[in-house]
Amino acid sequence: MMSTSNLHVDRDLDLSNAGRGVWLVKVPKYIANKWEKAPGNIEVGKLKISKNPGQKAQVSLTLSESVLCLKEPGEENIPRDHRLDVSTVTRQTLGIFSHITPSNSDSVVPETEKLSMEGRIVQKLECRPYADSCYMKLKVETIRKASVPVRQVQQLDRIVQNFKPVSDHKHNIEYEEKKKAEGKKARDDKDSVLEMLFAAFEKHQYYNIRDLVKITRQPIVYLKEILKEVCNYNLRNPHKNMWELKPEYRHYKEPEPAPASSDD
């Protein structure tokens, strides 16, 4: 039975902004990287929408100077001006959701998680740079960096201590040597094997096959042939998968029944 802590907990969804139309904008990676580095209190760009009678609205994006200055040493400049190609969402229903988790769980009045629908996507916009000299330089640098091999040959002027791969590990080698030293298990005479088995079963009533192989030091196939003649293999608990002598070969005494009490 599942515990109640693993069950899904229903939460309220704030739909107050469900009717608001929003844009889904795809921007180039270099713009996304700049925006991720930008602090939250600066202007990152300006959006301009131009509407001419009888024509489709023209949308453009101009990045702010503060964003353009967020660059690493040796990094190429990125384009300032971009156009946004607009497409209307017709055959899909897409939405924007937000999930706010409580920041302080130790407060006197505990905060709760808040799930909200921020709006419905009505248009998709794809941000594209103009093919000017600045963008061409950025593209050339991007292609150059992508063509640089990850691994390079380097000439060393001193010996470097390094762990080289080995064909086999030490414990594997020791195991193989021990196995060769012991040699292949040879079949002993059947009567000798039976004597070892009877001596073992005088100590314990039940054995598994691994223990019997260690005791007799016989090949497992040969040992099973002999066991089938003088032993029974248990298929049920409490001695499942264990061998015991057949009744006619047992030398230990069976437990005697308790004497019946007589009423005088």
C-alpha atoms as a PDB file:
ATOM      1  CA  MET A   1       0.000   0.000   0.000  1.00  0.00           C
ATOM      2  CA  MET A   2       1.416   3.414  -0.978  1.00  0.00           C
ATOM      3  CA  SER A   3       2.051   5.983   1.706  1.00  0.00           C
ATOM      4  CA  THR A   4       0.182   9.261   1.510  1.00  0.00           C
ATOM      5  CA  SER A   5       3.478  11.178   1.303  1.00  0.00           C
ATOM      6  CA  ASN A   6       4.199   9.730  -2.168  1.00  0.00           C
ATOM      7  CA  LEU A   7       0.837  10.704  -3.614  1.00  0.00           C
ATOM      8  CA  HIS A   8       0.466  13.716  -5.898  1.00  0.00           C
ATOM      9  CA  VAL A   9      -0.715  16.823  -4.085  1.00  0.00           C
ATOM     10  CA  ASP A  10      -3.246  18.990  -5.909  1.00  0.00           C
ATOM     11  CA  ARG A  11      -2.490  22.724  -5.966  1.00  0.00           C
ATOM     12  CA  ASP A  12      -4.444  25.758  -7.130  1.00  0.00           C
ATOM     13  CA  LEU A  13      -3.558  27.332 -10.487  1.00  0.00           C
ATOM     14  CA  ASP A  14      -3.924  31.106 -10.802  1.00  0.00           C
ATOM     15  CA  LEU A  15      -5.741  31.766 -14.103  1.00  0.00           C
ATOM     16  CA  SER A  16      -6.192  35.521 -13.707  1.00  0.00           C
ATOM     17  CA  ASN A  17      -3.857  36.154 -16.690  1.00  0.00           C
ATOM     18  CA  ALA A  18      -5.066  33.253 -18.828  1.00  0.00           C
ATOM     19  CA  GLY A  19      -6.647  35.619 -21.363  1.00  0.00           C
ATOM     20  CA  ARG A  20      -3.500  37.680 -21.878  1.00  0.00           C
ATOM     21  CA  GLY A  21      -1.757  37.232 -25.234  1.00  0.00           C
ATOM     22  CA  VAL A  22       2.029  36.822 -25.149  1.00  0.00           C
ATOM     23  CA  TRP A  23       4.847  36.401 -27.664  1.00  0.00           C
ATOM     24  CA  LEU A  24       7.216  33.466 -27.866  1.00  0.00           C
ATOM     25  CA  VAL A  25      10.549  34.878 -29.096  1.00  0.00           C
ATOM     26  CA  LYS A  26      13.504  32.823 -30.325  1.00  0.00           C
ATOM     27  CA  VAL A  27      16.823  34.702 -30.139  1.00  0.00           C
ATOM     28  CA  PRO A  28      20.343  33.760 -31.320  1.00  0.00           C
ATOM     29  CA  LYS A  29      22.609  32.069 -28.818  1.00  0.00           C
ATOM     30  CA  TYR A  30      24.960  35.056 -28.564  1.00  0.00           C
ATOM     31  CA  ILE A  31      22.051  37.279 -27.431  1.00  0.00           C
ATOM     32  CA  ALA A  32      20.850  34.677 -24.912  1.00  0.00           C
ATOM     33  CA  ASN A  33      24.366  34.472 -23.438  1.00  0.00           C
ATOM     34  CA  LYS A  34      24.529  38.248 -23.055  1.00  0.00           C
ATOM     35  CA  TRP A  35      21.130  38.428 -21.388  1.00  0.00           C
ATOM     36  CA  GLU A  36      22.091  35.675 -18.931  1.00  0.00           C
ATOM     37  CA  LYS A  37      25.176  37.660 -17.889  1.00  0.00           C
ATOM     38  CA  ALA A  38      23.292  40.956 -17.588  1.00  0.00           C
ATOM     39  CA  PRO A  39      22.274  42.106 -14.100  1.00  0.00           C
ATOM     40  CA  GLY A  40      18.574  42.483 -13.415  1.00  0.00           C
ATOM     41  CA  ASN A  41      18.506  46.270 -13.121  1.00  0.00           C
ATOM     42  CA  ILE A  42      19.667  47.327 -16.595  1.00  0.00           C
ATOM     43  CA  GLU A  43      17.967  47.818 -19.927  1.00  0.00           C
ATOM     44  CA  VAL A  44      18.844  44.998 -22.324  1.00  0.00           C
ATOM     45  CA  GLY A  45      17.225  46.343 -25.487  1.00  0.00           C
ATOM     46  CA  LYS A  46      14.397  48.195 -27.160  1.00  0.00           C
ATOM     47  CA  LEU A  47      11.610  46.708 -29.252  1.00  0.00           C
ATOM     48  CA  LYS A  48      10.185  48.768 -32.111  1.00  0.00           C
ATOM     49  CA  ILE A  49       6.922  47.954 -33.895  1.00  0.00           C
ATOM     50  CA  SER A  50       6.214  49.820 -37.157  1.00  0.00           C
ATOM     51  CA  LYS A  51       2.707  49.628 -38.607  1.00  0.00           C
ATOM     52  CA  ASN A  52       1.973  50.792 -42.133  1.00  0.00           C
ATOM     53  CA  PRO A  53      -1.583  50.759 -43.571  1.00  0.00           C
ATOM     54  CA  GLY A  54      -2.220  47.618 -45.577  1.00  0.00           C
ATOM     55  CA  GLN A  55       1.090  46.053 -44.631  1.00  0.00           C
ATOM     56  CA  LYS A  56       2.267  43.553 -42.064  1.00  0.00           C
ATOM     57  CA  ALA A  57       3.736  45.064 -38.903  1.00  0.00           C
ATOM     58  CA  GLN A  58       7.542  45.334 -38.871  1.00  0.00           C
ATOM     59  CA  VAL A  59       9.201  44.386 -35.566  1.00  0.00           C
ATOM     60  CA  SER A  60      12.858  45.156 -34.761  1.00  0.00           C
ATOM     61  CA  LEU A  61      15.130  44.767 -31.733  1.00  0.00           C
ATOM     62  CA  THR A  62      17.993  47.091 -30.806  1.00  0.00           C
ATOM     63  CA  LEU A  63      20.336  45.870 -28.061  1.00  0.00           C
ATOM     64  CA  SER A  64      21.371  48.360 -25.390  1.00  0.00           C
ATOM     65  CA  GLU A  65      24.911  49.669 -25.028  1.00  0.00           C
ATOM     66  CA  SER A  66      25.211  48.097 -21.571  1.00  0.00           C
ATOM     67  CA  VAL A  67      24.567  44.631 -23.042  1.00  0.00           C
ATOM     68  CA  LEU A  68      27.012  45.158 -25.907  1.00  0.00           C
ATOM     69  CA  CYS A  69      29.736  46.001 -23.371  1.00  0.00           C
ATOM     70  CA  LEU A  70      29.340  42.646 -21.603  1.00  0.00           C
ATOM     71  CA  LYS A  71      32.174  40.921 -23.461  1.00  0.00           C
ATOM     72  CA  GLU A  72      35.197  38.840 -22.563  1.00  0.00           C
ATOM     73  CA  PRO A  73      38.746  39.836 -23.625  1.00  0.00           C
ATOM     74  CA  GLY A  74      39.276  38.892 -27.259  1.00  0.00           C
ATOM     75  CA  GLU A  75      35.562  38.300 -27.854  1.00  0.00           C
ATOM     76  CA  GLU A  76      34.053  39.580 -31.101  1.00  0.00           C
ATOM     77  CA  ASN A  77      31.388  42.284 -31.125  1.00  0.00           C
ATOM     78  CA  ILE A  78      27.800  41.179 -31.702  1.00  0.00           C
ATOM     79  CA  PRO A  79      25.274  42.911 -33.967  1.00  0.00           C
ATOM     80  CA  ARG A  80      23.200  45.675 -32.388  1.00  0.00           C
ATOM     81  CA  ASP A  81      20.147  45.638 -34.693  1.00  0.00           C
ATOM     82  CA  HIS A  82      17.918  42.658 -35.472  1.00  0.00           C
ATOM     83  CA  ARG A  83      14.642  42.033 -37.224  1.00  0.00           C
ATOM     84  CA  LEU A  84      11.941  39.766 -35.844  1.00  0.00           C
ATOM     85  CA  ASP A  85       9.986  37.544 -38.224  1.00  0.00           C
ATOM     86  CA  VAL A  86       6.422  37.158 -36.943  1.00  0.00           C
ATOM     87  CA  SER A  87       4.212  34.091 -37.378  1.00  0.00           C
ATOM     88  CA  THR A  88       0.748  33.543 -35.921  1.00  0.00           C
ATOM     89  CA  VAL A  89      -0.033  30.482 -33.808  1.00  0.00           C
ATOM     90  CA  THR A  90      -3.202  28.918 -35.220  1.00  0.00           C
ATOM     91  CA  ARG A  91      -3.256  25.127 -34.819  1.00  0.00           C
ATOM     92  CA  GLN A  92      -1.668  24.951 -31.390  1.00  0.00           C
ATOM     93  CA  THR A  93      -2.654  26.011 -27.903  1.00  0.00           C
ATOM     94  CA  LEU A  94       0.474  27.108 -26.052  1.00  0.00           C
ATOM     95  CA  GLY A  95       0.743  28.811 -22.695  1.00  0.00           C
ATOM     96  CA  ILE A  96       3.308  30.344 -20.347  1.00  0.00           C
ATOM     97  CA  PHE A  97       3.348  29.146 -16.728  1.00  0.00           C
ATOM     98  CA  SER A  98       5.281  30.301 -13.678  1.00  0.00           C
ATOM     99  CA  HIS A  99       6.157  28.414 -10.511  1.00  0.00           C
ATOM    100  CA  ILE A 100       7.114  30.382  -7.407  1.00  0.00           C
ATOM    101  CA  THR A 101       8.549  28.386  -4.485  1.00  0.00           C
ATOM    102  CA  PRO A 102       8.664  29.740  -0.929  1.00  0.00           C
ATOM    103  CA  SER A 103      11.981  31.426  -0.118  1.00  0.00           C
ATOM    104  CA  ASN A 104      11.714  31.179   3.684  1.00  0.00           C
ATOM    105  CA  SER A 105      10.232  27.991   5.112  1.00  0.00           C
ATOM    106  CA  ASP A 106      10.947  29.054   8.718  1.00  0.00           C
ATOM    107  CA  SER A 107       8.675  32.098   8.710  1.00  0.00           C
ATOM    108  CA  VAL A 108       5.852  32.417  11.245  1.00  0.00           C
ATOM    109  CA  VAL A 109       3.255  32.358   8.476  1.00  0.00           C
ATOM    110  CA  PRO A 110       4.588  29.717   6.054  1.00  0.00           C
ATOM    111  CA  GLU A 111       4.568  30.663   2.380  1.00  0.00           C
ATOM    112  CA  THR A 112       3.004  28.320  -0.149  1.00  0.00           C
ATOM    113  CA  GLU A 113       3.994  27.436  -3.666  1.00  0.00           C
ATOM    114  CA  LYS A 114       2.222  29.455  -6.336  1.00  0.00           C
ATOM    115  CA  LEU A 115       1.407  28.167  -9.801  1.00  0.00           C
ATOM    116  CA  SER A 116       0.209  30.733 -12.330  1.00  0.00           C
ATOM    117  CA  MET A 117      -0.662  30.901 -15.995  1.00  0.00           C
ATOM    118  CA  GLU A 118       0.988  34.053 -17.303  1.00  0.00           C
ATOM    119  CA  GLY A 119      -0.687  34.092 -20.696  1.00  0.00           C
ATOM    120  CA  ARG A 120      -1.500  32.350 -23.953  1.00  0.00           C
ATOM    121  CA  ILE A 121       0.987  32.393 -26.829  1.00  0.00           C
ATOM    122  CA  VAL A 122      -0.583  34.146 -29.796  1.00  0.00           C
ATOM    123  CA  GLN A 123       2.492  34.837 -31.938  1.00  0.00           C
ATOM    124  CA  LYS A 124       5.936  33.362 -32.496  1.00  0.00           C
ATOM    125  CA  LEU A 125       8.842  35.658 -33.328  1.00  0.00           C
ATOM    126  CA  GLU A 126      12.279  34.645 -34.592  1.00  0.00           C
ATOM    127  CA  CYS A 127      15.066  37.155 -34.045  1.00  0.00           C
ATOM    128  CA  ARG A 128      17.423  37.406 -37.036  1.00  0.00           C
ATOM    129  CA  PRO A 129      20.506  39.625 -37.468  1.00  0.00           C
ATOM    130  CA  TYR A 130      21.105  41.748 -40.532  1.00  0.00           C
ATOM    131  CA  ALA A 131      23.882  40.433 -42.772  1.00  0.00           C
ATOM    132  CA  ASP A 132      26.280  43.321 -42.111  1.00  0.00           C
ATOM    133  CA  SER A 133      30.061  43.280 -41.607  1.00  0.00           C
ATOM    134  CA  CYS A 134      29.725  42.868 -37.825  1.00  0.00           C
ATOM    135  CA  TYR A 135      27.629  39.710 -38.178  1.00  0.00           C
ATOM    136  CA  MET A 136      29.950  38.307 -40.868  1.00  0.00           C
ATOM    137  CA  LYS A 137      32.984  38.699 -38.569  1.00  0.00           C
ATOM    138  CA  LEU A 138      31.082  36.999 -35.744  1.00  0.00           C
ATOM    139  CA  LYS A 139      30.093  34.133 -38.051  1.00  0.00           C
ATOM    140  CA  VAL A 140      33.663  33.641 -39.280  1.00  0.00           C
ATOM    141  CA  GLU A 141      34.960  33.536 -35.691  1.00  0.00           C
ATOM    142  CA  THR A 142      32.244  31.032 -34.706  1.00  0.00           C
ATOM    143  CA  ILE A 143      33.185  28.735 -37.617  1.00  0.00           C
ATOM    144  CA  ARG A 144      36.895  29.045 -36.750  1.00  0.00           C
ATOM    145  CA  LYS A 145      36.328  28.066 -33.129  1.00  0.00           C
ATOM    146  CA  ALA A 146      34.152  25.110 -34.164  1.00  0.00           C
ATOM    147  CA  SER A 147      36.883  23.823 -36.498  1.00  0.00           C
ATOM    148  CA  VAL A 148      39.588  23.831 -33.805  1.00  0.00           C
ATOM    149  CA  PRO A 149      40.205  20.190 -32.772  1.00  0.00           C
ATOM    150  CA  VAL A 150      39.455  19.350 -29.171  1.00  0.00           C
ATOM    151  CA  ARG A 151      42.621  17.261 -28.848  1.00  0.00           C
ATOM    152  CA  GLN A 152      45.984  18.647 -29.878  1.00  0.00           C
ATOM    153  CA  VAL A 153      49.515  17.268 -30.033  1.00  0.00           C
ATOM    154  CA  GLN A 154      51.843  18.926 -27.542  1.00  0.00           C
ATOM    155  CA  GLN A 155      55.612  18.507 -27.280  1.00  0.00           C
ATOM    156  CA  LEU A 156      56.804  17.879 -23.724  1.00  0.00           C
ATOM    157  CA  ASP A 157      60.124  19.146 -22.427  1.00  0.00           C
ATOM    158  CA  ARG A 158      60.115  17.012 -19.278  1.00  0.00           C
ATOM    159  CA  ILE A 159      58.938  13.602 -18.087  1.00  0.00           C
ATOM    160  CA  VAL A 160      55.331  13.593 -16.951  1.00  0.00           C
ATOM    161  CA  GLN A 161      54.315  11.101 -14.283  1.00  0.00           C
ATOM    162  CA  ASN A 162      51.150   9.524 -15.544  1.00  0.00           C
ATOM    163  CA  PHE A 163      49.126   6.401 -14.928  1.00  0.00           C
ATOM    164  CA  LYS A 164      49.288   4.286 -18.056  1.00  0.00           C
ATOM    165  CA  PRO A 165      46.589   1.752 -18.878  1.00  0.00           C
ATOM    166  CA  VAL A 166      47.447  -1.868 -18.180  1.00  0.00           C
ATOM    167  CA  SER A 167      46.371  -4.906 -20.140  1.00  0.00           C
ATOM    168  CA  ASP A 168      45.342  -6.735 -16.966  1.00  0.00           C
ATOM    169  CA  HIS A 169      44.993  -5.877 -13.305  1.00  0.00           C
ATOM    170  CA  LYS A 170      47.076  -7.374 -10.503  1.00  0.00           C
ATOM    171  CA  HIS A 171      44.232  -9.230  -8.780  1.00  0.00           C
ATOM    172  CA  ASN A 172      43.198 -10.837 -12.085  1.00  0.00           C
ATOM    173  CA  ILE A 173      46.758 -12.021 -12.716  1.00  0.00           C
ATOM    174  CA  GLU A 174      47.041 -13.457  -9.191  1.00  0.00           C
ATOM    175  CA  TYR A 175      43.727 -15.298  -9.613  1.00  0.00           C
ATOM    176  CA  GLU A 176      44.796 -16.845 -12.932  1.00  0.00           C
ATOM    177  CA  GLU A 177      48.166 -17.913 -11.484  1.00  0.00           C
ATOM    178  CA  LYS A 178      46.452 -19.498  -8.496  1.00  0.00           C
ATOM    179  CA  LYS A 179      44.071 -21.303 -10.808  1.00  0.00           C
ATOM    180  CA  LYS A 180      46.949 -22.678 -12.873  1.00  0.00           C
ATOM    181  CA  ALA A 181      48.870 -23.731  -9.733  1.00  0.00           C
ATOM    182  CA  GLU A 182      45.912 -25.711  -8.443  1.00  0.00           C
ATOM    183  CA  GLY A 183      45.594 -27.390 -11.795  1.00  0.00           C
ATOM    184  CA  LYS A 184      42.556 -28.839 -13.415  1.00  0.00           C
ATOM    185  CA  LYS A 185      40.430 -30.901 -11.052  1.00  0.00           C
ATOM    186  CA  ALA A 186      40.905 -34.578 -11.798  1.00  0.00           C
ATOM    187  CA  ARG A 187      38.243 -37.207 -11.269  1.00  0.00           C
ATOM    188  CA  ASP A 188      38.923 -39.449  -8.305  1.00  0.00           C
ATOM    189  CA  ASP A 189      37.685 -42.985  -7.968  1.00  0.00           C
ATOM    190  CA  LYS A 190      33.939 -43.160  -7.380  1.00  0.00           C
ATOM    191  CA  ASP A 191      34.350 -45.084  -4.126  1.00  0.00           C
ATOM    192  CA  SER A 192      36.762 -42.448  -2.806  1.00  0.00           C
ATOM    193  CA  VAL A 193      34.280 -39.685  -3.646  1.00  0.00           C
ATOM    194  CA  LEU A 194      31.473 -41.596  -1.910  1.00  0.00           C
ATOM    195  CA  GLU A 195      33.606 -41.972   1.216  1.00  0.00           C
ATOM    196  CA  MET A 196      34.199 -38.218   1.302  1.00  0.00           C
ATOM    197  CA  LEU A 197      30.483 -37.551   0.794  1.00  0.00           C
ATOM    198  CA  PHE A 198      29.378 -39.982   3.527  1.00  0.00           C
ATOM    199  CA  ALA A 199      31.931 -38.494   5.916  1.00  0.00           C
ATOM    200  CA  ALA A 200      30.625 -35.002   5.167  1.00  0.00           C
ATOM    201  CA  PHE A 201      26.983 -35.973   5.617  1.00  0.00           C
ATOM    202  CA  GLU A 202      27.796 -37.470   9.027  1.00  0.00           C
ATOM    203  CA  LYS A 203      28.607 -33.919  10.144  1.00  0.00           C
ATOM    204  CA  HIS A 204      25.686 -32.114   8.492  1.00  0.00           C
ATOM    205  CA  GLN A 205      22.460 -33.308   6.946  1.00  0.00           C
ATOM    206  CA  TYR A 206      22.217 -30.685   4.167  1.00  0.00           C
ATOM    207  CA  TYR A 207      24.826 -29.237   1.776  1.00  0.00           C
ATOM    208  CA  ASN A 208      24.730 -27.004  -1.257  1.00  0.00           C
ATOM    209  CA  ILE A 209      26.698 -27.945  -4.351  1.00  0.00           C
ATOM    210  CA  ARG A 210      29.415 -25.316  -3.833  1.00  0.00           C
ATOM    211  CA  ASP A 211      30.362 -26.691  -0.440  1.00  0.00           C
ATOM    212  CA  LEU A 212      30.435 -30.251  -1.743  1.00  0.00           C
ATOM    213  CA  VAL A 213      32.753 -29.208  -4.592  1.00  0.00           C
ATOM    214  CA  LYS A 214      35.152 -27.654  -2.057  1.00  0.00           C
ATOM    215  CA  ILE A 215      35.053 -30.748   0.149  1.00  0.00           C
ATOM    216  CA  THR A 216      35.556 -33.341  -2.596  1.00  0.00           C
ATOM    217  CA  ARG A 217      37.573 -31.192  -5.069  1.00  0.00           C
ATOM    218  CA  GLN A 218      35.813 -32.892  -7.957  1.00  0.00           C
ATOM    219  CA  PRO A 219      34.462 -31.493 -11.242  1.00  0.00           C
ATOM    220  CA  ILE A 220      30.906 -30.332 -10.664  1.00  0.00           C
ATOM    221  CA  VAL A 221      29.435 -32.400 -13.518  1.00  0.00           C
ATOM    222  CA  TYR A 222      31.087 -35.597 -12.253  1.00  0.00           C
ATOM    223  CA  LEU A 223      30.066 -34.825  -8.676  1.00  0.00           C
ATOM    224  CA  LYS A 224      26.415 -34.312  -9.641  1.00  0.00           C
ATOM    225  CA  GLU A 225      26.347 -37.722 -11.344  1.00  0.00           C
ATOM    226  CA  ILE A 226      27.374 -39.376  -8.062  1.00  0.00           C
ATOM    227  CA  LEU A 227      25.053 -37.204  -5.956  1.00  0.00           C
ATOM    228  CA  LYS A 228      22.038 -38.251  -8.031  1.00  0.00           C
ATOM    229  CA  GLU A 229      22.710 -41.875  -7.066  1.00  0.00           C
ATOM    230  CA  VAL A 230      22.956 -41.425  -3.301  1.00  0.00           C
ATOM    231  CA  CYS A 231      21.273 -38.081  -2.561  1.00  0.00           C
ATOM    232  CA  ASN A 232      18.005 -36.243  -2.965  1.00  0.00           C
ATOM    233  CA  TYR A 233      17.863 -32.648  -4.225  1.00  0.00           C
ATOM    234  CA  ASN A 234      15.426 -30.457  -2.271  1.00  0.00           C
ATOM    235  CA  LEU A 235      13.198 -28.185  -4.311  1.00  0.00           C
ATOM    236  CA  ARG A 236      11.172 -26.759  -1.439  1.00  0.00           C
ATOM    237  CA  ASN A 237      11.886 -24.692   1.621  1.00  0.00           C
ATOM    238  CA  PRO A 238      13.325 -24.687   4.223  1.00  0.00           C
ATOM    239  CA  HIS A 239      16.237 -26.539   2.553  1.00  0.00           C
ATOM    240  CA  LYS A 240      15.667 -25.469  -1.039  1.00  0.00           C
ATOM    241  CA  ASN A 241      18.524 -26.117  -3.538  1.00  0.00           C
ATOM    242  CA  MET A 242      20.388 -28.351  -1.044  1.00  0.00           C
ATOM    243  CA  TRP A 243      21.396 -32.011  -1.160  1.00  0.00           C
ATOM    244  CA  GLU A 244      20.763 -34.675   1.503  1.00  0.00           C
ATOM    245  CA  LEU A 245      21.403 -38.420   1.595  1.00  0.00           C
ATOM    246  CA  LYS A 246      18.677 -40.774   0.540  1.00  0.00           C
ATOM    247  CA  PRO A 247      17.123 -42.626   3.520  1.00  0.00           C
ATOM    248  CA  GLU A 248      18.824 -45.924   2.633  1.00  0.00           C
ATOM    249  CA  TYR A 249      22.281 -44.310   2.834  1.00  0.00           C
ATOM    250  CA  ARG A 250      21.807 -42.409   6.074  1.00  0.00           C
ATOM    251  CA  HIS A 251      23.969 -43.585   8.988  1.00  0.00           C
ATOM    252  CA  TYR A 252      22.762 -41.056  11.538  1.00  0.00           C
ATOM    253  CA  LYS A 253      19.884 -42.079  13.768  1.00  0.00           C
ATOM    254  CA  GLU A 254      16.388 -40.878  13.128  1.00  0.00           C
ATOM    255  CA  PRO A 255      14.808 -39.087  16.109  1.00  0.00           C
ATOM    256  CA  GLU A 256      12.935 -41.614  18.237  1.00  0.00           C
ATOM    257  CA  PRO A 257       9.229 -40.956  18.876  1.00  0.00           C
ATOM    258  CA  ALA A 258       8.353 -39.883  22.387  1.00  0.00           C
ATOM    259  CA  PRO A 259       6.885 -42.734  24.514  1.00  0.00           C
ATOM    260  CA  ALA A 260       3.123 -42.600  24.870  1.00  0.00           C
ATOM    261  CA  SER A 261       1.913 -41.874  28.413  1.00  0.00           C
ATOM    262  CA  SER A 262      -0.318 -44.533  29.995  1.00  0.00           C
ATOM    263  CA  ASP A 263      -3.094 -43.813  32.453  1.00  0.00           C
ATOM    264  CA  ASP A 264      -3.093 -46.068  35.493  1.00  0.00           C
END
